[in-house]
Amino acid sequence: RDNISLFLGDYLDTPLNKITALQIEMAYKEAIVEKKPHKNTVKGFRG
């Protein structure tokens, strides 16, 4: 739960069919730049 919230917290209440791949990519990059997570956290989120 924490892994998803860290990267996609703004989309938790959004229907899955309304979330685009581009939105996920942009949120992913933004989280890496702003929050600078540990590499294991990033890998854990993708998994």
ModelCIF file with pLDDT and N, C-alpha, C, O atoms, coordinates in Angstrom:
data_MODEL
#
_entry.id   MODEL 
#
_entity.id                         1 
_entity.type                       polymer 
_entity.pdbx_number_of_molecules   1 
#
_entity_poly.entity_id                      1 
_entity_poly.type                           'polypeptide(L)' 
_entity_poly.nstd_linkage                   no 
_entity_poly.nstd_monomer                   no 
_entity_poly.pdbx_seq_one_letter_code       RDNISLFLGDYLDTPLNKITALQIEMAYKEAIVEKKPHKNTVKGFRG 
_entity_poly.pdbx_seq_one_letter_code_can   RDNISLFLGDYLDTPLNKITALQIEMAYKEAIVEKKPHKNTVKGFRG 
_entity_poly.pdbx_strand_id                 A 
#
loop_
_entity_poly_seq.entity_id 
_entity_poly_seq.num 
_entity_poly_seq.mon_id 
_entity_poly_seq.hetero 
1 1  ARG n 
1 2  ASP n 
1 3  ASN n 
1 4  ILE n 
1 5  SER n 
1 6  LEU n 
1 7  PHE n 
1 8  LEU n 
1 9  GLY n 
1 10 ASP n 
1 11 TYR n 
1 12 LEU n 
1 13 ASP n 
1 14 THR n 
1 15 PRO n 
1 16 LEU n 
1 17 ASN n 
1 18 LYS n 
1 19 ILE n 
1 20 THR n 
1 21 ALA n 
1 22 LEU n 
1 23 GLN n 
1 24 ILE n 
1 25 GLU n 
1 26 MET n 
1 27 ALA n 
1 28 TYR n 
1 29 LYS n 
1 30 GLU n 
1 31 ALA n 
1 32 ILE n 
1 33 VAL n 
1 34 GLU n 
1 35 LYS n 
1 36 LYS n 
1 37 PRO n 
1 38 HIS n 
1 39 LYS n 
1 40 ASN n 
1 41 THR n 
1 42 VAL n 
1 43 LYS n 
1 44 GLY n 
1 45 PHE n 
1 46 ARG n 
1 47 GLY n 
#
_struct_asym.id          A 
_struct_asym.entity_id   1 
#
loop_
_ma_qa_metric.id 
_ma_qa_metric.mode 
_ma_qa_metric.name 
_ma_qa_metric.software_group_id 
_ma_qa_metric.type 
1 global pLDDT . pLDDT 
2 local  pLDDT . pLDDT 
#
_ma_qa_metric_global.metric_id      1 
_ma_qa_metric_global.metric_value   88.19 
_ma_qa_metric_global.model_id       1 
_ma_qa_metric_global.ordinal_id     1 
#
loop_
_ma_qa_metric_local.label_asym_id 
_ma_qa_metric_local.label_comp_id 
_ma_qa_metric_local.label_seq_id 
_ma_qa_metric_local.metric_id 
_ma_qa_metric_local.metric_value 
_ma_qa_metric_local.model_id 
_ma_qa_metric_local.ordinal_id 
A ARG 1  2 92.00 1 1  
A ASP 2  2 92.00 1 2  
A ASN 3  2 90.00 1 3  
A ILE 4  2 92.00 1 4  
A SER 5  2 92.00 1 5  
A LEU 6  2 92.00 1 6  
A PHE 7  2 93.00 1 7  
A LEU 8  2 92.00 1 8  
A GLY 9  2 91.00 1 9  
A ASP 10 2 90.00 1 10 
A TYR 11 2 91.00 1 11 
A LEU 12 2 91.00 1 12 
A ASP 13 2 88.00 1 13 
A THR 14 2 87.00 1 14 
A PRO 15 2 85.00 1 15 
A LEU 16 2 85.00 1 16 
A ASN 17 2 78.00 1 17 
A LYS 18 2 80.00 1 18 
A ILE 19 2 86.00 1 19 
A THR 20 2 85.00 1 20 
A ALA 21 2 86.00 1 21 
A LEU 22 2 86.00 1 22 
A GLN 23 2 88.00 1 23 
A ILE 24 2 90.00 1 24 
A GLU 25 2 89.00 1 25 
A MET 26 2 88.00 1 26 
A ALA 27 2 89.00 1 27 
A TYR 28 2 90.00 1 28 
A LYS 29 2 88.00 1 29 
A GLU 30 2 88.00 1 30 
A ALA 31 2 88.00 1 31 
A ILE 32 2 88.00 1 32 
A VAL 33 2 86.00 1 33 
A GLU 34 2 86.00 1 34 
A LYS 35 2 85.00 1 35 
A LYS 36 2 84.00 1 36 
A PRO 37 2 87.00 1 37 
A HIS 38 2 87.00 1 38 
A LYS 39 2 85.00 1 39 
A ASN 40 2 85.00 1 40 
A THR 41 2 89.00 1 41 
A VAL 42 2 89.00 1 42 
A LYS 43 2 88.00 1 43 
A GLY 44 2 90.00 1 44 
A PHE 45 2 92.00 1 45 
A ARG 46 2 91.00 1 46 
A GLY 47 2 91.00 1 47 
#
loop_
_atom_site.group_PDB 
_atom_site.id 
_atom_site.type_symbol 
_atom_site.label_atom_id 
_atom_site.label_alt_id 
_atom_site.label_comp_id 
_atom_site.label_asym_id 
_atom_site.label_entity_id 
_atom_site.label_seq_id 
_atom_site.pdbx_PDB_ins_code 
_atom_site.Cartn_x 
_atom_site.Cartn_y 
_atom_site.Cartn_z 
_atom_site.occupancy 
_atom_site.B_iso_or_equiv 
_atom_site.pdbx_formal_charge 
_atom_site.auth_seq_id 
_atom_site.auth_comp_id 
_atom_site.auth_asym_id 
_atom_site.auth_atom_id 
_atom_site.pdbx_PDB_model_num 
ATOM 1   N N  . ARG A 1 1  ? 0.833   -1.217 0.000   1.00 92.00 ? 1  ARG A N  1 
ATOM 2   C CA . ARG A 1 1  ? 0.000   0.000  0.000   1.00 92.00 ? 1  ARG A CA 1 
ATOM 3   C C  . ARG A 1 1  ? 0.859   1.255  0.000   1.00 92.00 ? 1  ARG A C  1 
ATOM 4   O O  . ARG A 1 1  ? 0.582   2.215  -0.719  1.00 92.00 ? 1  ARG A O  1 
ATOM 5   N N  . ASP A 1 2  ? 1.921   1.232  0.829   1.00 92.00 ? 2  ASP A N  1 
ATOM 6   C CA . ASP A 1 2  ? 2.795   2.410  0.926   1.00 92.00 ? 2  ASP A CA 1 
ATOM 7   C C  . ASP A 1 2  ? 3.508   2.686  -0.399  1.00 92.00 ? 2  ASP A C  1 
ATOM 8   O O  . ASP A 1 2  ? 3.672   3.841  -0.791  1.00 92.00 ? 2  ASP A O  1 
ATOM 9   N N  . ASN A 1 3  ? 3.929   1.628  -1.081  1.00 90.00 ? 3  ASN A N  1 
ATOM 10  C CA . ASN A 1 3  ? 4.618   1.807  -2.365  1.00 90.00 ? 3  ASN A CA 1 
ATOM 11  C C  . ASN A 1 3  ? 3.727   2.516  -3.376  1.00 90.00 ? 3  ASN A C  1 
ATOM 12  O O  . ASN A 1 3  ? 4.168   3.436  -4.065  1.00 90.00 ? 3  ASN A O  1 
ATOM 13  N N  . ILE A 1 4  ? 2.463   2.082  -3.463  1.00 92.00 ? 4  ILE A N  1 
ATOM 14  C CA . ILE A 1 4  ? 1.538   2.707  -4.415  1.00 92.00 ? 4  ILE A CA 1 
ATOM 15  C C  . ILE A 1 4  ? 1.224   4.137  -3.999  1.00 92.00 ? 4  ILE A C  1 
ATOM 16  O O  . ILE A 1 4  ? 1.170   5.028  -4.846  1.00 92.00 ? 4  ILE A O  1 
ATOM 17  N N  . SER A 1 5  ? 1.016   4.368  -2.708  1.00 92.00 ? 5  SER A N  1 
ATOM 18  C CA . SER A 1 5  ? 0.676   5.714  -2.223  1.00 92.00 ? 5  SER A CA 1 
ATOM 19  C C  . SER A 1 5  ? 1.804   6.705  -2.475  1.00 92.00 ? 5  SER A C  1 
ATOM 20  O O  . SER A 1 5  ? 1.557   7.867  -2.797  1.00 92.00 ? 5  SER A O  1 
ATOM 21  N N  . LEU A 1 6  ? 3.042   6.243  -2.329  1.00 92.00 ? 6  LEU A N  1 
ATOM 22  C CA . LEU A 1 6  ? 4.191   7.137  -2.499  1.00 92.00 ? 6  LEU A CA 1 
ATOM 23  C C  . LEU A 1 6  ? 4.262   7.689  -3.914  1.00 92.00 ? 6  LEU A C  1 
ATOM 24  O O  . LEU A 1 6  ? 4.544   8.872  -4.106  1.00 92.00 ? 6  LEU A O  1 
ATOM 25  N N  . PHE A 1 7  ? 4.009   6.843  -4.907  1.00 93.00 ? 7  PHE A N  1 
ATOM 26  C CA . PHE A 1 7  ? 4.158   7.255  -6.294  1.00 93.00 ? 7  PHE A CA 1 
ATOM 27  C C  . PHE A 1 7  ? 2.842   7.696  -6.947  1.00 93.00 ? 7  PHE A C  1 
ATOM 28  O O  . PHE A 1 7  ? 2.840   8.587  -7.797  1.00 93.00 ? 7  PHE A O  1 
ATOM 29  N N  . LEU A 1 8  ? 1.726   7.074  -6.552  1.00 92.00 ? 8  LEU A N  1 
ATOM 30  C CA . LEU A 1 8  ? 0.448   7.356  -7.224  1.00 92.00 ? 8  LEU A CA 1 
ATOM 31  C C  . LEU A 1 8  ? -0.620  7.791  -6.230  1.00 92.00 ? 8  LEU A C  1 
ATOM 32  O O  . LEU A 1 8  ? -1.796  7.473  -6.405  1.00 92.00 ? 8  LEU A O  1 
ATOM 33  N N  . GLY A 1 9  ? -0.217  8.518  -5.182  1.00 91.00 ? 9  GLY A N  1 
ATOM 34  C CA . GLY A 1 9  ? -1.154  8.951  -4.151  1.00 91.00 ? 9  GLY A CA 1 
ATOM 35  C C  . GLY A 1 9  ? -2.293  9.797  -4.685  1.00 91.00 ? 9  GLY A C  1 
ATOM 36  O O  . GLY A 1 9  ? -3.406  9.736  -4.163  1.00 91.00 ? 9  GLY A O  1 
ATOM 37  N N  . ASP A 1 10 ? -2.030  10.590 -5.724  1.00 90.00 ? 10 ASP A N  1 
ATOM 38  C CA . ASP A 1 10 ? -3.072  11.462 -6.287  1.00 90.00 ? 10 ASP A CA 1 
ATOM 39  C C  . ASP A 1 10 ? -4.134  10.694 -7.067  1.00 90.00 ? 10 ASP A C  1 
ATOM 40  O O  . ASP A 1 10 ? -5.177  11.257 -7.399  1.00 90.00 ? 10 ASP A O  1 
ATOM 41  N N  . TYR A 1 11 ? -3.887  9.421  -7.364  1.00 91.00 ? 11 TYR A N  1 
ATOM 42  C CA . TYR A 1 11 ? -4.806  8.646  -8.203  1.00 91.00 ? 11 TYR A CA 1 
ATOM 43  C C  . TYR A 1 11 ? -5.487  7.501  -7.446  1.00 91.00 ? 11 TYR A C  1 
ATOM 44  O O  . TYR A 1 11 ? -6.126  6.651  -8.065  1.00 91.00 ? 11 TYR A O  1 
ATOM 45  N N  . LEU A 1 12 ? -5.357  7.471  -6.115  1.00 91.00 ? 12 LEU A N  1 
ATOM 46  C CA . LEU A 1 12 ? -5.900  6.347  -5.354  1.00 91.00 ? 12 LEU A CA 1 
ATOM 47  C C  . LEU A 1 12 ? -7.409  6.190  -5.523  1.00 91.00 ? 12 LEU A C  1 
ATOM 48  O O  . LEU A 1 12 ? -7.919  5.071  -5.569  1.00 91.00 ? 12 LEU A O  1 
ATOM 49  N N  . ASP A 1 13 ? -8.126  7.321  -5.617  1.00 88.00 ? 13 ASP A N  1 
ATOM 50  C CA . ASP A 1 13 ? -9.584  7.264  -5.736  1.00 88.00 ? 13 ASP A CA 1 
ATOM 51  C C  . ASP A 1 13 ? -10.059 7.362  -7.181  1.00 88.00 ? 13 ASP A C  1 
ATOM 52  O O  . ASP A 1 13 ? -11.252 7.528  -7.435  1.00 88.00 ? 13 ASP A O  1 
ATOM 53  N N  . THR A 1 14 ? -9.126  7.259  -8.126  1.00 87.00 ? 14 THR A N  1 
ATOM 54  C CA . THR A 1 14 ? -9.470  7.353  -9.543  1.00 87.00 ? 14 THR A CA 1 
ATOM 55  C C  . THR A 1 14 ? -9.729  5.961  -10.114 1.00 87.00 ? 14 THR A C  1 
ATOM 56  O O  . THR A 1 14 ? -8.967  5.036  -9.835  1.00 87.00 ? 14 THR A O  1 
ATOM 57  N N  . PRO A 1 15 ? -10.804 5.791  -10.918 1.00 85.00 ? 15 PRO A N  1 
ATOM 58  C CA . PRO A 1 15 ? -11.028 4.493  -11.565 1.00 85.00 ? 15 PRO A CA 1 
ATOM 59  C C  . PRO A 1 15 ? -9.843  4.105  -12.431 1.00 85.00 ? 15 PRO A C  1 
ATOM 60  O O  . PRO A 1 15 ? -9.248  4.958  -13.090 1.00 85.00 ? 15 PRO A O  1 
ATOM 61  N N  . LEU A 1 16 ? -9.501  2.841  -12.434 1.00 85.00 ? 16 LEU A N  1 
ATOM 62  C CA . LEU A 1 16 ? -8.330  2.389  -13.181 1.00 85.00 ? 16 LEU A CA 1 
ATOM 63  C C  . LEU A 1 16 ? -8.437  2.676  -14.673 1.00 85.00 ? 16 LEU A C  1 
ATOM 64  O O  . LEU A 1 16 ? -7.436  2.963  -15.330 1.00 85.00 ? 16 LEU A O  1 
ATOM 65  N N  . ASN A 1 17 ? -9.672  2.598  -15.214 1.00 78.00 ? 17 ASN A N  1 
ATOM 66  C CA . ASN A 1 17 ? -9.794  2.834  -16.648 1.00 78.00 ? 17 ASN A CA 1 
ATOM 67  C C  . ASN A 1 17 ? -9.712  4.314  -17.010 1.00 78.00 ? 17 ASN A C  1 
ATOM 68  O O  . ASN A 1 17 ? -9.772  4.675  -18.185 1.00 78.00 ? 17 ASN A O  1 
ATOM 69  N N  . LYS A 1 18 ? -9.572  5.181  -15.984 1.00 80.00 ? 18 LYS A N  1 
ATOM 70  C CA . LYS A 1 18 ? -9.388  6.614  -16.242 1.00 80.00 ? 18 LYS A CA 1 
ATOM 71  C C  . LYS A 1 18 ? -7.934  7.041  -16.090 1.00 80.00 ? 18 LYS A C  1 
ATOM 72  O O  . LYS A 1 18 ? -7.570  8.166  -16.434 1.00 80.00 ? 18 LYS A O  1 
ATOM 73  N N  . ILE A 1 19 ? -7.107  6.139  -15.573 1.00 86.00 ? 19 ILE A N  1 
ATOM 74  C CA . ILE A 1 19 ? -5.680  6.460  -15.394 1.00 86.00 ? 19 ILE A CA 1 
ATOM 75  C C  . ILE A 1 19 ? -4.923  6.007  -16.629 1.00 86.00 ? 19 ILE A C  1 
ATOM 76  O O  . ILE A 1 19 ? -4.970  4.830  -16.988 1.00 86.00 ? 19 ILE A O  1 
ATOM 77  N N  . THR A 1 20 ? -4.230  6.922  -17.278 1.00 85.00 ? 20 THR A N  1 
ATOM 78  C CA . THR A 1 20 ? -3.489  6.589  -18.490 1.00 85.00 ? 20 THR A CA 1 
ATOM 79  C C  . THR A 1 20 ? -2.047  6.230  -18.158 1.00 85.00 ? 20 THR A C  1 
ATOM 80  O O  . THR A 1 20 ? -1.542  6.541  -17.079 1.00 85.00 ? 20 THR A O  1 
ATOM 81  N N  . ALA A 1 21 ? -1.401  5.573  -19.107 1.00 86.00 ? 21 ALA A N  1 
ATOM 82  C CA . ALA A 1 21 ? 0.006   5.209  -18.935 1.00 86.00 ? 21 ALA A CA 1 
ATOM 83  C C  . ALA A 1 21 ? 0.870   6.457  -18.786 1.00 86.00 ? 21 ALA A C  1 
ATOM 84  O O  . ALA A 1 21 ? 1.831   6.468  -18.018 1.00 86.00 ? 21 ALA A O  1 
ATOM 85  N N  . LEU A 1 22 ? 0.521   7.509  -19.528 1.00 86.00 ? 22 LEU A N  1 
ATOM 86  C CA . LEU A 1 22 ? 1.297   8.750  -19.458 1.00 86.00 ? 22 LEU A CA 1 
ATOM 87  C C  . LEU A 1 22 ? 1.206   9.372  -18.069 1.00 86.00 ? 22 LEU A C  1 
ATOM 88  O O  . LEU A 1 22 ? 2.198   9.882  -17.548 1.00 86.00 ? 22 LEU A O  1 
ATOM 89  N N  . GLN A 1 23 ? 0.006   9.331  -17.464 1.00 88.00 ? 23 GLN A N  1 
ATOM 90  C CA . GLN A 1 23 ? -0.155  9.871  -16.113 1.00 88.00 ? 23 GLN A CA 1 
ATOM 91  C C  . GLN A 1 23 ? 0.691   9.093  -15.111 1.00 88.00 ? 23 GLN A C  1 
ATOM 92  O O  . GLN A 1 23 ? 1.292   9.687  -14.216 1.00 88.00 ? 23 GLN A O  1 
ATOM 93  N N  . ILE A 1 24 ? 0.743   7.774  -15.254 1.00 90.00 ? 24 ILE A N  1 
ATOM 94  C CA . ILE A 1 24 ? 1.553   6.954  -14.352 1.00 90.00 ? 24 ILE A CA 1 
ATOM 95  C C  . ILE A 1 24 ? 3.036   7.280  -14.524 1.00 90.00 ? 24 ILE A C  1 
ATOM 96  O O  . ILE A 1 24 ? 3.764   7.411  -13.540 1.00 90.00 ? 24 ILE A O  1 
ATOM 97  N N  . GLU A 1 25 ? 3.480   7.410  -15.769 1.00 89.00 ? 25 GLU A N  1 
ATOM 98  C CA . GLU A 1 25 ? 4.883   7.731  -16.039 1.00 89.00 ? 25 GLU A CA 1 
ATOM 99  C C  . GLU A 1 25 ? 5.257   9.089  -15.457 1.00 89.00 ? 25 GLU A C  1 
ATOM 100 O O  . GLU A 1 25 ? 6.322   9.241  -14.859 1.00 89.00 ? 25 GLU A O  1 
ATOM 101 N N  . MET A 1 26 ? 4.378   10.074 -15.634 1.00 88.00 ? 26 MET A N  1 
ATOM 102 C CA . MET A 1 26 ? 4.681   11.421 -15.140 1.00 88.00 ? 26 MET A CA 1 
ATOM 103 C C  . MET A 1 26 ? 4.714   11.446 -13.615 1.00 88.00 ? 26 MET A C  1 
ATOM 104 O O  . MET A 1 26 ? 5.578   12.097 -13.027 1.00 88.00 ? 26 MET A O  1 
ATOM 105 N N  . ALA A 1 27 ? 3.775   10.740 -12.965 1.00 89.00 ? 27 ALA A N  1 
ATOM 106 C CA . ALA A 1 27 ? 3.765   10.679 -11.499 1.00 89.00 ? 27 ALA A CA 1 
ATOM 107 C C  . ALA A 1 27 ? 5.005   9.955  -10.979 1.00 89.00 ? 27 ALA A C  1 
ATOM 108 O O  . ALA A 1 27 ? 5.576   10.339 -9.959  1.00 89.00 ? 27 ALA A O  1 
ATOM 109 N N  . TYR A 1 28 ? 5.413   8.910  -11.687 1.00 90.00 ? 28 TYR A N  1 
ATOM 110 C CA . TYR A 1 28 ? 6.604   8.124  -11.323 1.00 90.00 ? 28 TYR A CA 1 
ATOM 111 C C  . TYR A 1 28 ? 7.862   8.997  -11.368 1.00 90.00 ? 28 TYR A C  1 
ATOM 112 O O  . TYR A 1 28 ? 8.659   8.998  -10.430 1.00 90.00 ? 28 TYR A O  1 
ATOM 113 N N  . LYS A 1 29 ? 8.027   9.731  -12.460 1.00 88.00 ? 29 LYS A N  1 
ATOM 114 C CA . LYS A 1 29 ? 9.215   10.593 -12.601 1.00 88.00 ? 29 LYS A CA 1 
ATOM 115 C C  . LYS A 1 29 ? 9.197   11.721 -11.570 1.00 88.00 ? 29 LYS A C  1 
ATOM 116 O O  . LYS A 1 29 ? 10.227  12.066 -10.993 1.00 88.00 ? 29 LYS A O  1 
ATOM 117 N N  . GLU A 1 30 ? 8.008   12.288 -11.349 1.00 88.00 ? 30 GLU A N  1 
ATOM 118 C CA . GLU A 1 30 ? 7.894   13.378 -10.381 1.00 88.00 ? 30 GLU A CA 1 
ATOM 119 C C  . GLU A 1 30 ? 8.259   12.916 -8.977  1.00 88.00 ? 30 GLU A C  1 
ATOM 120 O O  . GLU A 1 30 ? 8.930   13.637 -8.240  1.00 88.00 ? 30 GLU A O  1 
ATOM 121 N N  . ALA A 1 31 ? 7.820   11.714 -8.604  1.00 88.00 ? 31 ALA A N  1 
ATOM 122 C CA . ALA A 1 31 ? 8.137   11.186 -7.275  1.00 88.00 ? 31 ALA A CA 1 
ATOM 123 C C  . ALA A 1 31 ? 9.635   10.956 -7.115  1.00 88.00 ? 31 ALA A C  1 
ATOM 124 O O  . ALA A 1 31 ? 10.194  11.222 -6.051  1.00 88.00 ? 31 ALA A O  1 
ATOM 125 N N  . ILE A 1 32 ? 10.287  10.462 -8.168  1.00 88.00 ? 32 ILE A N  1 
ATOM 126 C CA . ILE A 1 32 ? 11.738  10.225 -8.099  1.00 88.00 ? 32 ILE A CA 1 
ATOM 127 C C  . ILE A 1 32 ? 12.489  11.540 -7.936  1.00 88.00 ? 32 ILE A C  1 
ATOM 128 O O  . ILE A 1 32 ? 13.432  11.624 -7.149  1.00 88.00 ? 32 ILE A O  1 
ATOM 129 N N  . VAL A 1 33 ? 12.076  12.567 -8.677  1.00 86.00 ? 33 VAL A N  1 
ATOM 130 C CA . VAL A 1 33 ? 12.766  13.858 -8.624  1.00 86.00 ? 33 VAL A CA 1 
ATOM 131 C C  . VAL A 1 33 ? 12.542  14.551 -7.285  1.00 86.00 ? 33 VAL A C  1 
ATOM 132 O O  . VAL A 1 33 ? 13.486  15.066 -6.686  1.00 86.00 ? 33 VAL A O  1 
ATOM 133 N N  . GLU A 1 34 ? 11.289  14.566 -6.810  1.00 86.00 ? 34 GLU A N  1 
ATOM 134 C CA . GLU A 1 34 ? 10.965  15.340 -5.620  1.00 86.00 ? 34 GLU A CA 1 
ATOM 135 C C  . GLU A 1 34 ? 11.238  14.586 -4.317  1.00 86.00 ? 34 GLU A C  1 
ATOM 136 O O  . GLU A 1 34 ? 11.701  15.180 -3.343  1.00 86.00 ? 34 GLU A O  1 
ATOM 137 N N  . LYS A 1 35 ? 10.954  13.290 -4.295  1.00 85.00 ? 35 LYS A N  1 
ATOM 138 C CA . LYS A 1 35 ? 11.059  12.536 -3.043  1.00 85.00 ? 35 LYS A CA 1 
ATOM 139 C C  . LYS A 1 35 ? 12.359  11.754 -2.918  1.00 85.00 ? 35 LYS A C  1 
ATOM 140 O O  . LYS A 1 35 ? 12.726  11.320 -1.826  1.00 85.00 ? 35 LYS A O  1 
ATOM 141 N N  . LYS A 1 36 ? 13.057  11.573 -4.041  1.00 84.00 ? 36 LYS A N  1 
ATOM 142 C CA . LYS A 1 36 ? 14.343  10.869 -4.048  1.00 84.00 ? 36 LYS A CA 1 
ATOM 143 C C  . LYS A 1 36 ? 14.291  9.581  -3.209  1.00 84.00 ? 36 LYS A C  1 
ATOM 144 O O  . LYS A 1 36 ? 15.027  9.457  -2.230  1.00 84.00 ? 36 LYS A O  1 
ATOM 145 N N  . PRO A 1 37 ? 13.444  8.639  -3.577  1.00 87.00 ? 37 PRO A N  1 
ATOM 146 C CA . PRO A 1 37 ? 13.328  7.404  -2.794  1.00 87.00 ? 37 PRO A CA 1 
ATOM 147 C C  . PRO A 1 37 ? 14.546  6.511  -2.948  1.00 87.00 ? 37 PRO A C  1 
ATOM 148 O O  . PRO A 1 37 ? 15.352  6.697  -3.859  1.00 87.00 ? 37 PRO A O  1 
ATOM 149 N N  . HIS A 1 38 ? 14.676  5.541  -2.053  1.00 87.00 ? 38 HIS A N  1 
ATOM 150 C CA . HIS A 1 38 ? 15.750  4.557  -2.149  1.00 87.00 ? 38 HIS A CA 1 
ATOM 151 C C  . HIS A 1 38 ? 15.506  3.689  -3.374  1.00 87.00 ? 38 HIS A C  1 
ATOM 152 O O  . HIS A 1 38 ? 14.359  3.469  -3.764  1.00 87.00 ? 38 HIS A O  1 
ATOM 153 N N  . LYS A 1 39 ? 16.569  3.202  -3.975  1.00 85.00 ? 39 LYS A N  1 
ATOM 154 C CA . LYS A 1 39 ? 16.434  2.400  -5.198  1.00 85.00 ? 39 LYS A CA 1 
ATOM 155 C C  . LYS A 1 39 ? 15.580  1.154  -4.961  1.00 85.00 ? 39 LYS A C  1 
ATOM 156 O O  . LYS A 1 39 ? 14.867  0.715  -5.863  1.00 85.00 ? 39 LYS A O  1 
ATOM 157 N N  . ASN A 1 40 ? 15.643  0.581  -3.755  1.00 85.00 ? 40 ASN A N  1 
ATOM 158 C CA . ASN A 1 40 ? 14.827  -0.591 -3.458  1.00 85.00 ? 40 ASN A CA 1 
ATOM 159 C C  . ASN A 1 40 ? 13.337  -0.246 -3.384  1.00 85.00 ? 40 ASN A C  1 
ATOM 160 O O  . ASN A 1 40 ? 12.487  -1.072 -3.715  1.00 85.00 ? 40 ASN A O  1 
ATOM 161 N N  . THR A 1 41 ? 13.027  0.984  -2.945  1.00 89.00 ? 41 THR A N  1 
ATOM 162 C CA . THR A 1 41 ? 11.641  1.436  -2.908  1.00 89.00 ? 41 THR A CA 1 
ATOM 163 C C  . THR A 1 41 ? 11.087  1.583  -4.316  1.00 89.00 ? 41 THR A C  1 
ATOM 164 O O  . THR A 1 41 ? 9.941   1.220  -4.582  1.00 89.00 ? 41 THR A O  1 
ATOM 165 N N  . VAL A 1 42 ? 11.909  2.119  -5.220  1.00 89.00 ? 42 VAL A N  1 
ATOM 166 C CA . VAL A 1 42 ? 11.489  2.288  -6.617  1.00 89.00 ? 42 VAL A CA 1 
ATOM 167 C C  . VAL A 1 42 ? 11.242  0.928  -7.257  1.00 89.00 ? 42 VAL A C  1 
ATOM 168 O O  . VAL A 1 42 ? 10.245  0.720  -7.947  1.00 89.00 ? 42 VAL A O  1 
ATOM 169 N N  . LYS A 1 43 ? 12.152  0.025  -7.017  1.00 88.00 ? 43 LYS A N  1 
ATOM 170 C CA . LYS A 1 43 ? 12.005  -1.331 -7.553  1.00 88.00 ? 43 LYS A CA 1 
ATOM 171 C C  . LYS A 1 43 ? 10.774  -2.014 -6.956  1.00 88.00 ? 43 LYS A C  1 
ATOM 172 O O  . LYS A 1 43 ? 10.052  -2.725 -7.655  1.00 88.00 ? 43 LYS A O  1 
ATOM 173 N N  . GLY A 1 44 ? 10.541  -1.793 -5.662  1.00 90.00 ? 44 GLY A N  1 
ATOM 174 C CA . GLY A 1 44 ? 9.377   -2.372 -5.002  1.00 90.00 ? 44 GLY A CA 1 
ATOM 175 C C  . GLY A 1 44 ? 8.076   -1.827 -5.552  1.00 90.00 ? 44 GLY A C  1 
ATOM 176 O O  . GLY A 1 44 ? 7.101   -2.566 -5.683  1.00 90.00 ? 44 GLY A O  1 
ATOM 177 N N  . PHE A 1 45 ? 8.048   -0.532 -5.878  1.00 92.00 ? 45 PHE A N  1 
ATOM 178 C CA . PHE A 1 45 ? 6.837   0.057  -6.465  1.00 92.00 ? 45 PHE A CA 1 
ATOM 179 C C  . PHE A 1 45 ? 6.512   -0.578 -7.805  1.00 92.00 ? 45 PHE A C  1 
ATOM 180 O O  . PHE A 1 45 ? 5.361   -0.929 -8.063  1.00 92.00 ? 45 PHE A O  1 
ATOM 181 N N  . ARG A 1 46 ? 7.520   -0.728 -8.665  1.00 91.00 ? 46 ARG A N  1 
ATOM 182 C CA . ARG A 1 46 ? 7.274   -1.314 -9.984  1.00 91.00 ? 46 ARG A CA 1 
ATOM 183 C C  . ARG A 1 46 ? 6.751   -2.740 -9.853  1.00 91.00 ? 46 ARG A C  1 
ATOM 184 O O  . ARG A 1 46 ? 5.848   -3.153 -10.581 1.00 91.00 ? 46 ARG A O  1 
ATOM 185 N N  . GLY A 1 47 ? 7.332   -3.487 -8.915  1.00 91.00 ? 47 GLY A N  1 
ATOM 186 C CA . GLY A 1 47 ? 6.878   -4.856 -8.713  1.00 91.00 ? 47 GLY A CA 1 
ATOM 187 C C  . GLY A 1 47 ? 5.452   -4.915 -8.185  1.00 91.00 ? 47 GLY A C  1 
ATOM 188 O O  . GLY A 1 47 ? 4.921   -6.003 -7.962  1.00 91.00 ? 47 GLY A O  1 
#
